[in-house]
Protein backbone atom coordinates (compact mmCIF):
# COMPACT_ATOMS: atom_id res chain seq x y z
CA MET A 1 50.25 22.18 -54.26
CA ALA A 2 46.90 22.58 -52.50
CA ASP A 3 44.19 19.99 -53.01
CA SER A 4 41.43 21.15 -55.26
CA PRO A 5 38.04 21.64 -53.58
CA LYS A 6 36.59 18.54 -55.28
CA HIS A 7 39.09 16.30 -53.39
CA GLU A 8 38.53 17.82 -49.91
CA HIS A 9 36.80 15.53 -47.46
CA LYS A 10 34.59 17.27 -44.99
CA ARG A 11 32.81 15.57 -42.14
CA ARG A 12 29.41 16.29 -43.63
CA THR A 13 30.41 14.86 -47.02
CA VAL A 14 31.77 11.67 -45.46
CA LEU A 15 28.66 11.18 -43.31
CA LYS A 16 26.35 11.73 -46.28
CA ALA A 17 28.34 9.30 -48.43
CA GLY A 18 28.39 6.71 -45.64
CA GLY A 19 24.64 6.95 -45.13
CA THR A 20 24.01 6.60 -48.86
CA ALA A 21 26.32 3.59 -49.08
CA ILE A 22 24.64 1.86 -46.15
CA ALA A 23 21.20 2.58 -47.55
CA GLY A 24 22.34 1.17 -50.89
CA LEU A 25 23.63 -2.00 -49.25
CA ALA A 26 20.37 -2.49 -47.43
CA THR A 27 18.42 -2.37 -50.67
CA VAL A 28 20.82 -4.60 -52.61
CA HIS A 29 21.46 -7.13 -49.82
CA PRO A 30 18.66 -7.24 -47.26
CA VAL A 31 20.08 -7.97 -43.84
CA ALA A 32 18.48 -10.78 -41.86
CA SER A 33 17.05 -9.87 -38.50
CA ALA A 34 19.84 -9.69 -35.94
CA ALA A 35 17.53 -10.73 -33.10
CA PRO A 36 17.28 -14.51 -32.71
CA ASP A 37 13.87 -16.05 -32.35
CA ARG A 38 12.67 -15.37 -28.83
CA VAL A 39 12.56 -18.37 -26.60
CA GLU A 40 9.46 -18.22 -24.51
CA ALA A 41 10.08 -19.10 -20.88
CA THR A 42 7.70 -21.69 -19.53
CA ALA A 43 5.63 -20.37 -16.67
CA VAL A 44 5.73 -22.41 -13.47
CA PRO A 45 3.26 -22.61 -10.60
CA ILE A 46 4.58 -21.37 -7.26
CA VAL A 47 3.20 -20.57 -3.82
CA LEU A 48 4.48 -17.55 -1.91
CA ARG A 49 3.79 -16.99 1.77
CA VAL A 50 3.53 -13.22 2.11
CA ASN A 51 2.46 -11.43 5.29
CA GLY A 52 1.01 -14.67 6.68
CA LYS A 53 -1.07 -15.54 3.61
CA ARG A 54 -0.41 -18.13 0.91
CA HIS A 55 -0.61 -16.96 -2.70
CA ALA A 56 -0.65 -19.41 -5.62
CA LEU A 57 0.86 -17.82 -8.74
CA THR A 58 2.07 -18.87 -12.14
CA VAL A 59 5.21 -16.96 -13.10
CA GLU A 60 8.07 -17.21 -15.54
CA PRO A 61 11.25 -18.43 -13.79
CA ARG A 62 12.97 -15.08 -14.45
CA VAL A 63 10.40 -13.01 -12.49
CA THR A 64 11.99 -11.31 -9.50
CA LEU A 65 10.39 -11.41 -6.09
CA LEU A 66 9.99 -7.63 -6.35
CA ASP A 67 7.98 -7.88 -9.56
CA ALA A 68 5.87 -10.75 -8.21
CA LEU A 69 5.01 -8.70 -5.11
CA ARG A 70 4.22 -5.50 -6.97
CA GLU A 71 2.69 -6.70 -10.23
CA ARG A 72 1.07 -10.00 -9.29
CA LEU A 73 0.09 -9.50 -5.64
CA ASP A 74 -0.49 -5.72 -5.80
CA LEU A 75 1.75 -5.15 -2.77
CA THR A 76 3.15 -1.86 -4.02
CA GLY A 77 4.62 -0.76 -0.68
CA THR A 78 7.83 -2.48 -1.75
CA LYS A 79 9.39 0.06 -4.11
CA LYS A 80 11.34 -0.43 -7.30
CA GLY A 81 14.25 1.99 -7.07
CA CYS A 82 17.41 1.14 -8.97
CA ASP A 83 16.45 -2.49 -9.85
CA ARG A 84 20.14 -3.39 -9.29
CA GLY A 85 20.32 -3.94 -5.54
CA GLU A 86 22.08 -0.64 -4.87
CA CYS A 87 19.43 1.54 -3.22
CA GLY A 88 17.57 -0.81 -0.87
CA ALA A 89 14.09 0.56 -1.68
CA CYS A 90 12.91 -3.00 -2.37
CA THR A 91 14.04 -4.44 0.99
CA VAL A 92 11.73 -7.10 2.43
CA LEU A 93 12.15 -9.68 5.16
CA VAL A 94 12.52 -13.33 4.17
CA ASP A 95 12.49 -15.69 7.14
CA GLY A 96 13.27 -12.66 9.30
CA ARG A 97 16.34 -11.63 7.30
CA ARG A 98 16.39 -8.54 5.12
CA ILE A 99 16.99 -9.02 1.42
CA LYS A 100 16.74 -6.87 -1.66
CA SER A 101 13.80 -8.34 -3.52
CA CYS A 102 15.03 -7.12 -6.92
CA LEU A 103 18.01 -9.49 -6.64
CA THR A 104 16.13 -12.73 -5.96
CA LEU A 105 13.77 -14.75 -8.09
CA ALA A 106 10.25 -15.47 -6.89
CA VAL A 107 10.69 -19.20 -7.59
CA MET A 108 13.60 -19.29 -5.12
CA ARG A 109 11.44 -18.05 -2.21
CA GLN A 110 8.56 -20.55 -2.27
CA ASP A 111 8.92 -22.03 1.20
CA ALA A 112 9.98 -18.81 2.90
CA ALA A 113 8.00 -16.48 5.14
CA ILE A 114 8.05 -13.13 3.32
CA THR A 115 7.14 -9.90 5.10
CA THR A 116 6.57 -6.62 3.28
CA VAL A 117 5.90 -3.20 4.78
CA GLU A 118 2.15 -3.92 4.46
CA GLY A 119 2.57 -6.83 6.89
CA LEU A 120 4.16 -4.92 9.79
CA ALA A 121 1.09 -3.33 11.39
CA ARG A 122 -0.91 -5.52 13.78
CA ASP A 123 -4.59 -5.06 14.68
CA GLY A 124 -4.62 -1.51 13.30
CA GLU A 125 -1.51 -0.53 15.29
CA LEU A 126 1.58 0.61 13.42
CA HIS A 127 4.82 -1.25 14.06
CA PRO A 128 7.06 0.75 16.46
CA VAL A 129 9.47 1.49 13.58
CA GLN A 130 6.65 2.84 11.39
CA ALA A 131 5.40 5.03 14.25
CA ALA A 132 8.93 6.29 14.98
CA PHE A 133 9.47 7.22 11.32
CA ILE A 134 6.32 9.34 11.43
CA ARG A 135 7.14 10.82 14.84
CA HIS A 136 10.66 11.86 13.80
CA ASP A 137 9.79 12.92 10.23
CA ALA A 138 12.23 10.34 8.85
CA PHE A 139 11.06 10.59 5.25
CA GLN A 140 10.34 13.19 2.60
CA CYS A 141 9.49 11.81 -0.84
CA GLY A 142 8.76 8.32 0.55
CA GLY A 143 10.54 6.47 -2.25
CA CYS A 144 12.98 4.75 0.06
CA THR A 145 10.85 4.71 3.21
CA SER A 146 9.42 1.19 3.05
CA GLY A 147 12.88 -0.27 2.41
CA GLN A 148 14.35 1.84 5.22
CA ILE A 149 11.63 0.65 7.60
CA MET A 150 12.09 -3.02 6.69
CA SER A 151 15.85 -2.74 7.12
CA ALA A 152 15.39 -0.96 10.46
CA VAL A 153 13.03 -3.68 11.74
CA ALA A 154 15.65 -6.32 10.88
CA LEU A 155 18.61 -4.46 12.37
CA ILE A 156 16.76 -3.93 15.64
CA ASP A 157 15.93 -7.66 15.76
CA GLU A 158 19.60 -8.40 14.97
CA GLY A 159 20.71 -6.21 17.89
CA HIS A 160 22.50 -3.58 15.81
CA ALA A 161 20.86 -0.42 17.16
CA GLY A 162 23.26 0.22 20.06
CA SER A 163 24.62 3.55 18.81
CA ASP A 164 24.13 6.08 16.04
CA ASP A 165 27.27 4.84 14.32
CA GLU A 166 26.10 1.24 14.49
CA VAL A 167 22.71 2.16 13.01
CA ARG A 168 24.40 4.11 10.20
CA GLU A 169 26.69 1.17 9.46
CA TRP A 170 23.93 -1.45 9.38
CA MET A 171 21.56 0.81 7.39
CA SER A 172 24.24 1.69 4.83
CA GLY A 173 22.62 -0.53 2.17
CA ASN A 174 19.58 1.74 2.11
CA LEU A 175 19.97 5.07 0.32
CA CYS A 176 17.86 8.17 0.92
CA ARG A 177 18.03 10.64 -1.94
CA CYS A 178 16.33 13.29 0.23
CA ALA A 179 19.15 12.93 2.82
CA CYS A 180 16.92 12.31 5.85
CA TYR A 181 19.68 10.23 7.43
CA PRO A 182 19.81 12.06 10.82
CA ASN A 183 16.04 11.65 11.26
CA ILE A 184 16.19 7.99 10.16
CA VAL A 185 18.90 7.23 12.72
CA THR A 186 16.92 8.99 15.45
CA ALA A 187 13.76 7.08 14.51
CA VAL A 188 15.57 3.73 14.53
CA ARG A 189 17.18 4.39 17.93
CA ASP A 190 13.81 5.49 19.35
CA ALA A 191 12.01 2.42 17.96
CA ALA A 192 14.76 0.17 19.34
CA LYS A 193 14.12 1.52 22.86
CA GLU A 194 10.39 0.91 22.44
CA THR A 195 10.79 -2.66 21.22
CA ARG A 196 13.14 -3.49 24.11
CA SER A 197 10.70 -2.30 26.76
């Protein structure tokens, strides 16, 4: 025997009934806020040495180095890409070593020498890597360029620019969504020759 139409359950009927029931519960039994009271983080004074200058800041302990550079020091050359350490757009040098600034806290880098892309040029002269990137058209949109340049500066200093394959391997933490990889490799190899001479 077939069910009569009044006993058929259709998706729309169930959803409407569920919504009405939930709305009814909310009016009968108000639900307390699910979000706990926010705990305000206490700001701490820090000093960052960036591009040879000391900067006194007051930041919350959870502020990343990337956000401190961009939002507090107005050094926007360091880009915020994925904010998860996957793309390398936020690469800076800390004590000569490349790091992804979105993965470190500003308070952890107080006594370190931090270099951003703004700190590479000297006396109005571009760094050899910056000049090589322009010469070899190693960028398109520019979103990843500062991170690529900072990583390239470090890998040349580390001695990892001996071959195209070596450059590709040591630059693999820096992604280029425009796929300028051949030009980037050429620029890095060219800059490496210039810095050696």
